[in-house]
C-alpha atoms as a PDB file:
ATOM      1  CA  UNK A   1     -12.654  18.514  37.258  1.00  0.00           C
ATOM      2  CA  UNK A   2     -15.546  15.731  38.663  1.00  0.00           C
ATOM      3  CA  UNK A   3     -13.504  12.837  40.453  1.00  0.00           C
ATOM      4  CA  UNK A   4     -13.675   9.811  37.769  1.00  0.00           C
ATOM      5  CA  UNK A   5     -17.113   7.561  38.772  1.00  0.00           C
ATOM      6  CA  UNK A   6     -15.731   4.148  41.162  1.00  0.00           C
ATOM      7  CA  UNK A   7     -17.458   1.148  39.949  1.00  0.00           C
ATOM      8  CA  UNK A   8     -18.879  -0.454  43.135  1.00  0.00           C
ATOM      9  CA  UNK A   9     -18.116  -4.097  41.287  1.00  0.00           C
ATOM     10  CA  UNK A  10     -14.731  -3.874  39.506  1.00  0.00           C
ATOM     11  CA  UNK A  11     -14.585  -4.501  35.826  1.00  0.00           C
ATOM     12  CA  UNK A  12     -14.200  -8.541  34.971  1.00  0.00           C
ATOM     13  CA  UNK A  13     -15.958  -8.817  38.678  1.00  0.00           C
ATOM     14  CA  UNK A  14     -18.956 -10.425  39.533  1.00  0.00           C
ATOM     15  CA  UNK A  15     -21.507 -10.182  42.298  1.00  0.00           C
ATOM     16  CA  UNK A  16     -20.641 -13.460  43.943  1.00  0.00           C
ATOM     17  CA  UNK A  17     -17.093 -14.298  44.005  1.00  0.00           C
ATOM     18  CA  UNK A  18     -15.620 -17.500  45.732  1.00  0.00           C
ATOM     19  CA  UNK A  19     -12.892 -16.918  48.315  1.00  0.00           C
ATOM     20  CA  UNK A  20     -11.458 -20.537  48.913  1.00  0.00           C
ATOM     21  CA  UNK A  21      -8.992 -21.362  52.255  1.00  0.00           C
ATOM     22  CA  UNK A  22      -6.441 -23.214  51.200  1.00  0.00           C
ATOM     23  CA  UNK A  23      -3.669 -25.755  53.152  1.00  0.00           C
ATOM     24  CA  UNK A  24      -0.806 -24.550  50.417  1.00  0.00           C
ATOM     25  CA  UNK A  25      -2.806 -21.519  48.201  1.00  0.00           C
ATOM     26  CA  UNK A  26       0.153 -21.844  45.798  1.00  0.00           C
ATOM     27  CA  UNK A  27      -0.093 -25.449  45.059  1.00  0.00           C
ATOM     28  CA  UNK A  28      -3.669 -24.803  45.141  1.00  0.00           C
ATOM     29  CA  UNK A  29      -3.859 -22.803  41.883  1.00  0.00           C
ATOM     30  CA  UNK A  30      -1.345 -25.118  39.958  1.00  0.00           C
ATOM     31  CA  UNK A  31      -3.491 -27.489  40.679  1.00  0.00           C
ATOM     32  CA  UNK A  32      -6.791 -25.136  39.099  1.00  0.00           C
ATOM     33  CA  UNK A  33      -4.249 -24.340  36.090  1.00  0.00           C
ATOM     34  CA  UNK A  34      -4.117 -27.619  35.364  1.00  0.00           C
ATOM     35  CA  UNK A  35      -7.334 -28.978  36.170  1.00  0.00           C
ATOM     36  CA  UNK A  36      -9.432 -26.211  34.928  1.00  0.00           C
ATOM     37  CA  UNK A  37      -7.115 -23.496  32.447  1.00  0.00           C
ATOM     38  CA  UNK A  38      -7.466 -21.486  35.463  1.00  0.00           C
ATOM     39  CA  UNK A  39      -5.156 -18.170  34.843  1.00  0.00           C
ATOM     40  CA  UNK A  40      -3.406 -16.664  37.910  1.00  0.00           C
ATOM     41  CA  UNK A  41      -4.747 -13.128  38.072  1.00  0.00           C
ATOM     42  CA  UNK A  42      -2.652 -11.593  41.018  1.00  0.00           C
ATOM     43  CA  UNK A  43      -0.654 -13.039  44.491  1.00  0.00           C
ATOM     44  CA  UNK A  44       0.567 -11.315  47.220  1.00  0.00           C
ATOM     45  CA  UNK A  45       2.642 -13.052  49.987  1.00  0.00           C
ATOM     46  CA  UNK A  46       2.968 -12.389  53.558  1.00  0.00           C
ATOM     47  CA  UNK A  47       6.708 -11.986  54.976  1.00  0.00           C
ATOM     48  CA  UNK A  48       6.608 -15.625  56.028  1.00  0.00           C
ATOM     49  CA  UNK A  49       5.704 -16.283  52.591  1.00  0.00           C
ATOM     50  CA  UNK A  50       2.408 -17.263  52.991  1.00  0.00           C
ATOM     51  CA  UNK A  51      -0.633 -16.130  50.353  1.00  0.00           C
ATOM     52  CA  UNK A  52      -2.550 -13.141  52.012  1.00  0.00           C
ATOM     53  CA  UNK A  53      -4.463 -12.701  48.362  1.00  0.00           C
ATOM     54  CA  UNK A  54      -4.400 -14.633  45.489  1.00  0.00           C
ATOM     55  CA  UNK A  55      -6.883 -14.721  42.314  1.00  0.00           C
ATOM     56  CA  UNK A  56      -7.495 -16.451  39.521  1.00  0.00           C
ATOM     57  CA  UNK A  57      -9.884 -16.781  36.430  1.00  0.00           C
ATOM     58  CA  UNK A  58     -11.760 -19.782  35.175  1.00  0.00           C
ATOM     59  CA  UNK A  59     -13.978 -19.295  32.445  1.00  0.00           C
ATOM     60  CA  UNK A  60     -15.741 -15.335  32.805  1.00  0.00           C
ATOM     61  CA  UNK A  61     -15.039 -15.997  36.838  1.00  0.00           C
ATOM     62  CA  UNK A  62     -12.690 -15.126  39.425  1.00  0.00           C
ATOM     63  CA  UNK A  63     -11.926 -17.153  42.020  1.00  0.00           C
ATOM     64  CA  UNK A  64     -10.024 -16.115  45.234  1.00  0.00           C
ATOM     65  CA  UNK A  65      -7.545 -17.656  47.234  1.00  0.00           C
ATOM     66  CA  UNK A  66      -5.960 -17.575  50.522  1.00  0.00           C
ATOM     67  CA  UNK A  67      -3.767 -19.344  52.420  1.00  0.00           C
ATOM     68  CA  UNK A  68      -4.269 -21.062  55.575  1.00  0.00           C
ATOM     69  CA  UNK A  69      -3.665 -18.424  59.121  1.00  0.00           C
ATOM     70  CA  UNK A  70      -5.125 -20.415  61.888  1.00  0.00           C
ATOM     71  CA  UNK A  71      -4.164 -17.789  64.452  1.00  0.00           C
ATOM     72  CA  UNK A  72      -6.804 -15.756  62.171  1.00  0.00           C
ATOM     73  CA  UNK A  73      -9.653 -18.556  61.755  1.00  0.00           C
ATOM     74  CA  UNK A  74      -8.928 -19.269  58.563  1.00  0.00           C
ATOM     75  CA  UNK A  75      -8.190 -22.881  57.678  1.00  0.00           C
ATOM     76  CA  UNK A  76      -9.148 -25.286  54.619  1.00  0.00           C
ATOM     77  CA  UNK A  77     -11.835 -27.806  54.784  1.00  0.00           C
ATOM     78  CA  UNK A  78      -9.356 -30.095  55.401  1.00  0.00           C
ATOM     79  CA  UNK A  79      -8.658 -29.274  58.908  1.00  0.00           C
ATOM     80  CA  UNK A  80     -12.533 -29.193  59.856  1.00  0.00           C
ATOM     81  CA  UNK A  81     -13.192 -32.254  58.224  1.00  0.00           C
ATOM     82  CA  UNK A  82     -15.004 -30.983  54.606  1.00  0.00           C
ATOM     83  CA  UNK A  83     -17.203 -28.040  54.138  1.00  0.00           C
ATOM     84  CA  UNK A  84     -20.632 -27.965  53.665  1.00  0.00           C
ATOM     85  CA  UNK A  85     -19.740 -25.502  50.092  1.00  0.00           C
ATOM     86  CA  UNK A  86     -19.943 -27.048  46.678  1.00  0.00           C
ATOM     87  CA  UNK A  87     -18.533 -25.084  43.827  1.00  0.00           C
ATOM     88  CA  UNK A  88     -20.146 -25.254  40.882  1.00  0.00           C
ATOM     89  CA  UNK A  89     -18.962 -24.817  37.397  1.00  0.00           C
ATOM     90  CA  UNK A  90     -20.648 -24.479  34.242  1.00  0.00           C
ATOM     91  CA  UNK A  91     -18.197 -25.620  31.129  1.00  0.00           C
ATOM     92  CA  UNK A  92     -18.258 -26.586  27.472  1.00  0.00           C
ATOM     93  CA  UNK A  93     -17.563 -30.042  27.742  1.00  0.00           C
ATOM     94  CA  UNK A  94     -18.194 -31.651  31.088  1.00  0.00           C
ATOM     95  CA  UNK A  95     -16.871 -35.000  30.789  1.00  0.00           C
ATOM     96  CA  UNK A  96     -13.491 -33.635  28.988  1.00  0.00           C
ATOM     97  CA  UNK A  97     -13.026 -31.103  32.181  1.00  0.00           C
ATOM     98  CA  UNK A  98     -14.009 -33.729  34.379  1.00  0.00           C
ATOM     99  CA  UNK A  99     -11.308 -36.051  32.903  1.00  0.00           C
ATOM    100  CA  UNK A 100      -8.760 -33.649  33.059  1.00  0.00           C
ATOM    101  CA  UNK A 101      -9.339 -32.559  36.774  1.00  0.00           C
ATOM    102  CA  UNK A 102      -8.850 -36.038  37.765  1.00  0.00           C
ATOM    103  CA  UNK A 103      -5.842 -36.182  35.744  1.00  0.00           C
ATOM    104  CA  UNK A 104      -4.510 -32.855  37.385  1.00  0.00           C
ATOM    105  CA  UNK A 105      -5.399 -34.962  41.037  1.00  0.00           C
ATOM    106  CA  UNK A 106      -9.078 -34.632  41.854  1.00  0.00           C
ATOM    107  CA  UNK A 107     -10.677 -37.355  43.118  1.00  0.00           C
ATOM    108  CA  UNK A 108     -14.465 -37.866  41.506  1.00  0.00           C
ATOM    109  CA  UNK A 109     -17.070 -38.289  43.413  1.00  0.00           C
ATOM    110  CA  UNK A 110     -19.695 -38.915  41.283  1.00  0.00           C
ATOM    111  CA  UNK A 111     -19.076 -39.877  37.322  1.00  0.00           C
ATOM    112  CA  UNK A 112     -20.491 -37.885  34.903  1.00  0.00           C
ATOM    113  CA  UNK A 113     -24.237 -38.415  33.977  1.00  0.00           C
ATOM    114  CA  UNK A 114     -27.434 -37.320  32.504  1.00  0.00           C
ATOM    115  CA  UNK A 115     -29.552 -35.354  35.192  1.00  0.00           C
ATOM    116  CA  UNK A 116     -33.207 -34.994  35.402  1.00  0.00           C
ATOM    117  CA  UNK A 117     -32.816 -30.865  35.223  1.00  0.00           C
ATOM    118  CA  UNK A 118     -31.185 -31.347  31.703  1.00  0.00           C
ATOM    119  CA  UNK A 119     -27.060 -30.704  32.206  1.00  0.00           C
ATOM    120  CA  UNK A 120     -24.392 -33.494  32.473  1.00  0.00           C
ATOM    121  CA  UNK A 121     -23.212 -33.402  35.318  1.00  0.00           C
ATOM    122  CA  UNK A 122     -20.045 -34.581  37.608  1.00  0.00           C
ATOM    123  CA  UNK A 123     -18.510 -33.968  41.149  1.00  0.00           C
ATOM    124  CA  UNK A 124     -14.780 -33.889  42.231  1.00  0.00           C
ATOM    125  CA  UNK A 125     -13.047 -33.381  45.142  1.00  0.00           C
ATOM    126  CA  UNK A 126     -10.163 -31.021  45.325  1.00  0.00           C
ATOM    127  CA  UNK A 127      -6.336 -32.094  46.436  1.00  0.00           C
ATOM    128  CA  UNK A 128      -7.155 -29.291  48.986  1.00  0.00           C
ATOM    129  CA  UNK A 129     -10.274 -31.482  50.295  1.00  0.00           C
ATOM    130  CA  UNK A 130     -13.014 -28.205  47.871  1.00  0.00           C
ATOM    131  CA  UNK A 131     -16.030 -30.119  46.763  1.00  0.00           C
ATOM    132  CA  UNK A 132     -16.766 -29.189  42.899  1.00  0.00           C
ATOM    133  CA  UNK A 133     -19.542 -29.983  40.781  1.00  0.00           C
ATOM    134  CA  UNK A 134     -19.162 -29.485  36.838  1.00  0.00           C
ATOM    135  CA  UNK A 135     -21.714 -29.595  34.415  1.00  0.00           C
ATOM    136  CA  UNK A 136     -22.660 -28.906  30.465  1.00  0.00           C
ATOM    137  CA  UNK A 137     -26.213 -27.656  30.020  1.00  0.00           C
ATOM    138  CA  UNK A 138     -27.701 -29.938  27.274  1.00  0.00           C
ATOM    139  CA  UNK A 139     -31.424 -29.960  27.379  1.00  0.00           C
ATOM    140  CA  UNK A 140     -33.827 -27.004  27.920  1.00  0.00           C
ATOM    141  CA  UNK A 141     -36.487 -28.393  30.204  1.00  0.00           C
ATOM    142  CA  UNK A 142     -39.995 -26.906  31.444  1.00  0.00           C
ATOM    143  CA  UNK A 143     -39.854 -26.974  35.283  1.00  0.00           C
ATOM    144  CA  UNK A 144     -43.346 -29.590  34.771  1.00  0.00           C
ATOM    145  CA  UNK A 145     -40.505 -31.588  33.009  1.00  0.00           C
ATOM    146  CA  UNK A 146     -38.092 -31.599  35.517  1.00  0.00           C
ATOM    147  CA  UNK A 147     -40.513 -32.248  38.351  1.00  0.00           C
ATOM    148  CA  UNK A 148     -41.667 -35.192  36.047  1.00  0.00           C
ATOM    149  CA  UNK A 149     -38.109 -36.215  36.048  1.00  0.00           C
ATOM    150  CA  UNK A 150     -37.085 -36.089  39.479  1.00  0.00           C
ATOM    151  CA  UNK A 151     -40.079 -38.072  40.290  1.00  0.00           C
ATOM    152  CA  UNK A 152     -38.864 -41.100  38.477  1.00  0.00           C
ATOM    153  CA  UNK A 153     -35.534 -41.268  40.448  1.00  0.00           C
ATOM    154  CA  UNK A 154     -35.880 -43.127  43.482  1.00  0.00           C
ATOM    155  CA  UNK A 155     -39.126 -44.925  42.565  1.00  0.00           C
END
């Protein structure tokens, strides 16, 4: 009998999955549960108690987490004075999600605003130093309409 075919992308996963290094991954899991309704799927600790791998699901997407392992060059954004990466999260109600995240301990870095590209959009920094943009798509626009809206900014 032939061996069953293994899917190159496991069931329930997407092509791209953020993998965050956190100073306190277990606490980050609890924050993401409160802030974004994350559901914990996996947790694997090392003998010293640090998380070598964890995974939560937010909406239809997985988010992987690991504790800092400075001896292996893995440190979070607090140790590197921030991160150039922003995690973008689409949700049905951006206002409610941003308020929930702030109540859970996130720092509001840009209030939710109607944006020229058709989204209600705001930004946050989580307690572990990671940047998030959160949005709800509210208007379908043509590329020309988006360009026109962008041209009205800062004018």
